[in-house]
Amino acid sequence: MFSSLNDTALDQLFRSARTYNAFSGDIDDATLQRLYDLLKWGPTAANAGPARFVFVKSPEAKARLAPALDPGNRDKTLAAPVTVIVGYDMAFYDKLPVLFPHTDARSWFAGKPEPVLETVALRNGSLQGAYLILAARALGLDCGPMSGFNNALLDEAFFAGTAIRSNFLVNLGKGDPTSIFPRSPRLGFDEACRIE
């Protein structure tokens, strides 16, 4: 086992990390590669890794994203150095012969009803989206995860003709501290947990 991370690391990942609404800076492609190479190690069911990520950086890609954004999210998202579309692949099982090779895991999912596949893909793709946020923070990037967009429009612009569906967005960059709201409370242990 590894030893516990120190308080500085825990602050960076959780306690001091915030959701930002304005960003500056540039993020190079090598950093985005490092980000994925870190987040990909987070666990998913049957190692399925159903998340698919689109790193929206170019003016052309931002122009395709803009019509799908709700008005309250449009300006901040288009101004962010990078917006990550966190999607999930409904045909994730096609990768299982490579990702889970010690048994025929593909047969567990292929041909199953869409609600079954969506549950697995959405749940595990959401986990991977959370890993992306933690990996970004670990690399010194600030995050602004959000919904507030039209999934159908976004999917048509970025995933047409595929089995991939959008889940949520994450703006990345150097967060502007003036853009955050006062820290909201969280439920205490006794309100959210029980030990049996």
C-alpha atoms as a PDB file:
ATOM      1  CA  MET A   1       0.000   0.000   0.000  1.00  0.00           C
ATOM      2  CA  PHE A   2       1.009   3.586  -0.571  1.00  0.00           C
ATOM      3  CA  SER A   3       1.190   6.062   2.266  1.00  0.00           C
ATOM      4  CA  SER A   4      -1.433   8.783   2.580  1.00  0.00           C
ATOM      5  CA  LEU A   5      -0.988  11.903   0.461  1.00  0.00           C
ATOM      6  CA  ASN A   6       0.076  14.966   2.398  1.00  0.00           C
ATOM      7  CA  ASP A   7      -2.318  17.821   3.170  1.00  0.00           C
ATOM      8  CA  THR A   8      -0.997  19.957   0.315  1.00  0.00           C
ATOM      9  CA  ALA A   9      -1.905  17.268  -2.206  1.00  0.00           C
ATOM     10  CA  LEU A  10      -5.295  16.640  -0.588  1.00  0.00           C
ATOM     11  CA  ASP A  11      -6.038  20.367  -0.653  1.00  0.00           C
ATOM     12  CA  GLN A  12      -5.122  20.551  -4.358  1.00  0.00           C
ATOM     13  CA  LEU A  13      -7.340  17.604  -5.240  1.00  0.00           C
ATOM     14  CA  PHE A  14     -10.296  18.222  -2.909  1.00  0.00           C
ATOM     15  CA  ARG A  15     -10.428  20.736  -0.082  1.00  0.00           C
ATOM     16  CA  SER A  16      -9.143  23.863  -1.844  1.00  0.00           C
ATOM     17  CA  ALA A  17     -10.168  22.877  -5.367  1.00  0.00           C
ATOM     18  CA  ARG A  18     -13.128  24.823  -6.698  1.00  0.00           C
ATOM     19  CA  THR A  19     -15.393  25.012  -9.720  1.00  0.00           C
ATOM     20  CA  TYR A  20     -14.270  28.037 -11.720  1.00  0.00           C
ATOM     21  CA  ASN A  21     -16.396  30.123 -14.065  1.00  0.00           C
ATOM     22  CA  ALA A  22     -13.575  31.967 -15.858  1.00  0.00           C
ATOM     23  CA  PHE A  23     -10.225  30.765 -17.106  1.00  0.00           C
ATOM     24  CA  SER A  24      -7.044  32.011 -18.713  1.00  0.00           C
ATOM     25  CA  GLY A  25      -3.853  30.471 -20.037  1.00  0.00           C
ATOM     26  CA  ASP A  26      -3.014  27.952 -22.711  1.00  0.00           C
ATOM     27  CA  ILE A  27      -2.983  24.183 -22.506  1.00  0.00           C
ATOM     28  CA  ASP A  28      -0.738  22.395 -24.966  1.00  0.00           C
ATOM     29  CA  ASP A  29      -1.553  19.070 -26.555  1.00  0.00           C
ATOM     30  CA  ALA A  30       1.192  17.327 -24.577  1.00  0.00           C
ATOM     31  CA  THR A  31      -0.573  18.300 -21.336  1.00  0.00           C
ATOM     32  CA  LEU A  32      -3.855  16.901 -22.631  1.00  0.00           C
ATOM     33  CA  GLN A  33      -2.043  13.671 -23.506  1.00  0.00           C
ATOM     34  CA  ARG A  34      -0.599  13.534 -19.973  1.00  0.00           C
ATOM     35  CA  LEU A  35      -4.063  14.185 -18.583  1.00  0.00           C
ATOM     36  CA  TYR A  36      -5.561  11.229 -20.434  1.00  0.00           C
ATOM     37  CA  ASP A  37      -2.563   9.009 -19.660  1.00  0.00           C
ATOM     38  CA  LEU A  38      -3.227   9.638 -15.970  1.00  0.00           C
ATOM     39  CA  LEU A  39      -7.019   9.382 -15.847  1.00  0.00           C
ATOM     40  CA  LYS A  40      -7.143   6.167 -17.896  1.00  0.00           C
ATOM     41  CA  TRP A  41      -5.859   4.168 -14.916  1.00  0.00           C
ATOM     42  CA  GLY A  42      -9.008   4.766 -12.850  1.00  0.00           C
ATOM     43  CA  PRO A  43     -11.140   1.636 -12.445  1.00  0.00           C
ATOM     44  CA  THR A  44     -14.256   0.861 -14.474  1.00  0.00           C
ATOM     45  CA  ALA A  45     -16.466  -2.231 -14.567  1.00  0.00           C
ATOM     46  CA  ALA A  46     -14.749  -5.009 -16.541  1.00  0.00           C
ATOM     47  CA  ASN A  47     -12.095  -2.407 -17.413  1.00  0.00           C
ATOM     48  CA  ALA A  48     -14.553  -1.260 -20.086  1.00  0.00           C
ATOM     49  CA  GLY A  49     -13.422   2.379 -20.157  1.00  0.00           C
ATOM     50  CA  PRO A  50     -16.538   3.607 -22.007  1.00  0.00           C
ATOM     51  CA  ALA A  51     -15.723   7.324 -21.725  1.00  0.00           C
ATOM     52  CA  ARG A  52     -14.723   9.188 -24.856  1.00  0.00           C
ATOM     53  CA  PHE A  53     -13.179  12.650 -24.579  1.00  0.00           C
ATOM     54  CA  VAL A  54     -13.149  15.486 -27.086  1.00  0.00           C
ATOM     55  CA  PHE A  55     -10.748  18.308 -26.181  1.00  0.00           C
ATOM     56  CA  VAL A  56     -12.310  21.361 -27.808  1.00  0.00           C
ATOM     57  CA  LYS A  57      -9.558  23.930 -28.431  1.00  0.00           C
ATOM     58  CA  SER A  58      -9.681  25.296 -31.958  1.00  0.00           C
ATOM     59  CA  PRO A  59     -11.889  28.202 -33.039  1.00  0.00           C
ATOM     60  CA  GLU A  60     -13.585  25.853 -35.521  1.00  0.00           C
ATOM     61  CA  ALA A  61     -14.435  23.300 -32.832  1.00  0.00           C
ATOM     62  CA  LYS A  62     -15.638  26.036 -30.466  1.00  0.00           C
ATOM     63  CA  ALA A  63     -17.922  27.331 -33.232  1.00  0.00           C
ATOM     64  CA  ARG A  64     -19.447  23.847 -33.520  1.00  0.00           C
ATOM     65  CA  LEU A  65     -19.884  23.676 -29.748  1.00  0.00           C
ATOM     66  CA  ALA A  66     -21.433  27.145 -29.326  1.00  0.00           C
ATOM     67  CA  PRO A  67     -24.986  26.389 -30.606  1.00  0.00           C
ATOM     68  CA  ALA A  68     -25.379  23.561 -28.072  1.00  0.00           C
ATOM     69  CA  LEU A  69     -24.498  25.702 -25.042  1.00  0.00           C
ATOM     70  CA  ASP A  70     -27.130  27.234 -22.783  1.00  0.00           C
ATOM     71  CA  PRO A  71     -26.893  31.059 -22.754  1.00  0.00           C
ATOM     72  CA  GLY A  72     -25.539  31.132 -19.186  1.00  0.00           C
ATOM     73  CA  ASN A  73     -22.656  28.838 -20.109  1.00  0.00           C
ATOM     74  CA  ARG A  74     -21.826  30.091 -23.601  1.00  0.00           C
ATOM     75  CA  ASP A  75     -19.387  32.947 -22.956  1.00  0.00           C
ATOM     76  CA  LYS A  76     -17.382  31.263 -20.212  1.00  0.00           C
ATOM     77  CA  THR A  77     -17.101  28.031 -22.181  1.00  0.00           C
ATOM     78  CA  LEU A  78     -16.036  29.646 -25.419  1.00  0.00           C
ATOM     79  CA  ALA A  79     -13.434  31.697 -23.519  1.00  0.00           C
ATOM     80  CA  ALA A  80     -11.911  28.696 -21.717  1.00  0.00           C
ATOM     81  CA  PRO A  81      -8.601  27.433 -23.130  1.00  0.00           C
ATOM     82  CA  VAL A  82     -10.048  23.912 -23.443  1.00  0.00           C
ATOM     83  CA  THR A  83     -13.502  22.436 -22.994  1.00  0.00           C
ATOM     84  CA  VAL A  84     -13.641  18.680 -22.589  1.00  0.00           C
ATOM     85  CA  ILE A  85     -16.713  16.892 -23.860  1.00  0.00           C
ATOM     86  CA  VAL A  86     -17.056  13.836 -21.647  1.00  0.00           C
ATOM     87  CA  GLY A  87     -19.025  11.273 -23.597  1.00  0.00           C
ATOM     88  CA  TYR A  88     -19.737   7.578 -23.302  1.00  0.00           C
ATOM     89  CA  ASP A  89     -19.664   4.914 -25.987  1.00  0.00           C
ATOM     90  CA  MET A  90     -22.785   2.757 -26.102  1.00  0.00           C
ATOM     91  CA  ALA A  91     -20.749   0.177 -28.070  1.00  0.00           C
ATOM     92  CA  PHE A  92     -18.064   0.042 -25.369  1.00  0.00           C
ATOM     93  CA  TYR A  93     -18.258  -3.760 -25.367  1.00  0.00           C
ATOM     94  CA  ASP A  94     -16.498  -3.921 -28.752  1.00  0.00           C
ATOM     95  CA  LYS A  95     -13.247  -2.939 -26.992  1.00  0.00           C
ATOM     96  CA  LEU A  96     -13.557  -5.609 -24.279  1.00  0.00           C
ATOM     97  CA  PRO A  97     -11.601  -8.317 -26.118  1.00  0.00           C
ATOM     98  CA  VAL A  98      -8.583  -6.003 -25.788  1.00  0.00           C
ATOM     99  CA  LEU A  99      -9.383  -4.354 -22.447  1.00  0.00           C
ATOM    100  CA  PHE A 100     -10.607  -7.470 -20.577  1.00  0.00           C
ATOM    101  CA  PRO A 101      -8.903 -10.304 -22.500  1.00  0.00           C
ATOM    102  CA  HIS A 102      -8.966 -13.079 -19.904  1.00  0.00           C
ATOM    103  CA  THR A 103     -12.634 -13.910 -20.538  1.00  0.00           C
ATOM    104  CA  ASP A 104     -15.365 -13.259 -23.096  1.00  0.00           C
ATOM    105  CA  ALA A 105     -16.696 -10.094 -21.436  1.00  0.00           C
ATOM    106  CA  ARG A 106     -18.070  -8.813 -24.751  1.00  0.00           C
ATOM    107  CA  SER A 107     -20.800 -11.447 -24.581  1.00  0.00           C
ATOM    108  CA  TRP A 108     -21.956  -9.992 -21.258  1.00  0.00           C
ATOM    109  CA  PHE A 109     -23.131  -6.846 -23.065  1.00  0.00           C
ATOM    110  CA  ALA A 110     -23.442  -7.340 -26.829  1.00  0.00           C
ATOM    111  CA  GLY A 111     -27.093  -7.560 -27.825  1.00  0.00           C
ATOM    112  CA  LYS A 112     -28.384  -6.404 -24.440  1.00  0.00           C
ATOM    113  CA  PRO A 113     -31.261  -3.882 -24.334  1.00  0.00           C
ATOM    114  CA  GLU A 114     -30.268  -0.232 -24.624  1.00  0.00           C
ATOM    115  CA  PRO A 115     -31.234   0.641 -21.017  1.00  0.00           C
ATOM    116  CA  VAL A 116     -28.806  -2.003 -19.729  1.00  0.00           C
ATOM    117  CA  LEU A 117     -25.995  -0.708 -21.932  1.00  0.00           C
ATOM    118  CA  GLU A 118     -26.745   2.904 -21.064  1.00  0.00           C
ATOM    119  CA  THR A 119     -26.588   2.178 -17.343  1.00  0.00           C
ATOM    120  CA  VAL A 120     -23.150   0.586 -17.666  1.00  0.00           C
ATOM    121  CA  ALA A 121     -21.776   3.152 -20.135  1.00  0.00           C
ATOM    122  CA  LEU A 122     -23.128   6.209 -18.315  1.00  0.00           C
ATOM    123  CA  ARG A 123     -22.077   5.026 -14.849  1.00  0.00           C
ATOM    124  CA  ASN A 124     -18.553   4.097 -15.823  1.00  0.00           C
ATOM    125  CA  GLY A 125     -18.120   7.013 -18.224  1.00  0.00           C
ATOM    126  CA  SER A 126     -19.148   9.324 -15.371  1.00  0.00           C
ATOM    127  CA  LEU A 127     -16.505   7.727 -13.163  1.00  0.00           C
ATOM    128  CA  GLN A 128     -13.944   8.442 -15.859  1.00  0.00           C
ATOM    129  CA  GLY A 129     -15.148  12.040 -16.074  1.00  0.00           C
ATOM    130  CA  ALA A 130     -14.524  12.354 -12.335  1.00  0.00           C
ATOM    131  CA  TYR A 131     -11.060  10.852 -12.820  1.00  0.00           C
ATOM    132  CA  LEU A 132     -10.457  13.508 -15.475  1.00  0.00           C
ATOM    133  CA  ILE A 133     -11.251  16.258 -12.964  1.00  0.00           C
ATOM    134  CA  LEU A 134      -8.919  14.791 -10.342  1.00  0.00           C
ATOM    135  CA  ALA A 135      -6.167  14.172 -12.891  1.00  0.00           C
ATOM    136  CA  ALA A 136      -6.482  17.747 -14.181  1.00  0.00           C
ATOM    137  CA  ARG A 137      -6.196  19.098 -10.637  1.00  0.00           C
ATOM    138  CA  ALA A 138      -3.207  16.837 -10.002  1.00  0.00           C
ATOM    139  CA  LEU A 139      -1.517  18.370 -13.062  1.00  0.00           C
ATOM    140  CA  GLY A 140      -2.180  21.903 -11.811  1.00  0.00           C
ATOM    141  CA  LEU A 141      -5.186  22.688 -13.988  1.00  0.00           C
ATOM    142  CA  ASP A 142      -8.406  24.209 -12.682  1.00  0.00           C
ATOM    143  CA  CYS A 143     -11.775  22.813 -13.724  1.00  0.00           C
ATOM    144  CA  GLY A 144     -15.300  23.966 -14.374  1.00  0.00           C
ATOM    145  CA  PRO A 145     -17.496  20.878 -14.794  1.00  0.00           C
ATOM    146  CA  MET A 146     -21.044  21.536 -15.931  1.00  0.00           C
ATOM    147  CA  SER A 147     -24.147  20.448 -17.710  1.00  0.00           C
ATOM    148  CA  GLY A 148     -26.233  23.259 -19.196  1.00  0.00           C
ATOM    149  CA  PHE A 149     -26.117  22.313 -22.866  1.00  0.00           C
ATOM    150  CA  ASN A 150     -28.302  20.592 -25.434  1.00  0.00           C
ATOM    151  CA  ASN A 151     -27.101  16.989 -25.663  1.00  0.00           C
ATOM    152  CA  ALA A 152     -28.825  16.321 -28.993  1.00  0.00           C
ATOM    153  CA  LEU A 153     -27.230  19.348 -30.678  1.00  0.00           C
ATOM    154  CA  LEU A 154     -23.813  18.564 -29.238  1.00  0.00           C
ATOM    155  CA  ASP A 155     -24.029  14.908 -30.242  1.00  0.00           C
ATOM    156  CA  GLU A 156     -24.980  15.868 -33.776  1.00  0.00           C
ATOM    157  CA  ALA A 157     -22.027  18.277 -33.986  1.00  0.00           C
ATOM    158  CA  PHE A 158     -19.386  15.950 -32.520  1.00  0.00           C
ATOM    159  CA  PHE A 159     -20.622  12.347 -32.509  1.00  0.00           C
ATOM    160  CA  ALA A 160     -22.896  11.975 -35.555  1.00  0.00           C
ATOM    161  CA  GLY A 161     -22.794   8.472 -36.993  1.00  0.00           C
ATOM    162  CA  THR A 162     -21.249   6.962 -33.856  1.00  0.00           C
ATOM    163  CA  ALA A 163     -22.526   5.186 -30.757  1.00  0.00           C
ATOM    164  CA  ILE A 164     -21.117   7.958 -28.525  1.00  0.00           C
ATOM    165  CA  ARG A 165     -23.370  10.211 -26.445  1.00  0.00           C
ATOM    166  CA  SER A 166     -22.450  13.317 -24.495  1.00  0.00           C
ATOM    167  CA  ASN A 167     -22.569  13.314 -20.694  1.00  0.00           C
ATOM    168  CA  PHE A 168     -21.110  16.570 -19.362  1.00  0.00           C
ATOM    169  CA  LEU A 169     -18.534  19.274 -20.090  1.00  0.00           C
ATOM    170  CA  VAL A 170     -15.409  20.343 -18.211  1.00  0.00           C
ATOM    171  CA  ASN A 171     -13.743  23.694 -18.858  1.00  0.00           C
ATOM    172  CA  LEU A 172      -9.991  23.625 -18.187  1.00  0.00           C
ATOM    173  CA  GLY A 173      -7.381  26.329 -17.647  1.00  0.00           C
ATOM    174  CA  LYS A 174      -6.031  28.621 -14.972  1.00  0.00           C
ATOM    175  CA  GLY A 175      -9.062  29.507 -12.902  1.00  0.00           C
ATOM    176  CA  ASP A 176      -9.868  33.123 -12.094  1.00  0.00           C
ATOM    177  CA  PRO A 177     -10.469  33.286  -8.312  1.00  0.00           C
ATOM    178  CA  THR A 178     -12.902  36.189  -8.758  1.00  0.00           C
ATOM    179  CA  SER A 179     -15.200  33.889 -10.749  1.00  0.00           C
ATOM    180  CA  ILE A 180     -16.020  31.472  -7.941  1.00  0.00           C
ATOM    181  CA  PHE A 181     -18.920  31.630  -5.532  1.00  0.00           C
ATOM    182  CA  PRO A 182     -18.498  31.365  -1.757  1.00  0.00           C
ATOM    183  CA  ARG A 183     -17.834  27.776  -0.723  1.00  0.00           C
ATOM    184  CA  SER A 184     -21.100  25.904  -0.286  1.00  0.00           C
ATOM    185  CA  PRO A 185     -21.567  23.498   2.614  1.00  0.00           C
ATOM    186  CA  ARG A 186     -21.432  19.726   2.329  1.00  0.00           C
ATOM    187  CA  LEU A 187     -23.378  17.124   4.242  1.00  0.00           C
ATOM    188  CA  GLY A 188     -21.703  15.824   7.354  1.00  0.00           C
ATOM    189  CA  PHE A 189     -20.711  12.197   7.752  1.00  0.00           C
ATOM    190  CA  ASP A 190     -23.776  11.325   9.829  1.00  0.00           C
ATOM    191  CA  GLU A 191     -26.107  12.839   7.222  1.00  0.00           C
ATOM    192  CA  ALA A 192     -24.607  11.092   4.210  1.00  0.00           C
ATOM    193  CA  CYS A 193     -23.113   7.894   5.602  1.00  0.00           C
ATOM    194  CA  ARG A 194     -23.651   5.002   7.916  1.00  0.00           C
ATOM    195  CA  ILE A 195     -21.363   2.222   9.020  1.00  0.00           C
ATOM    196  CA  GLU A 196     -22.959  -1.203   9.392  1.00  0.00           C
END
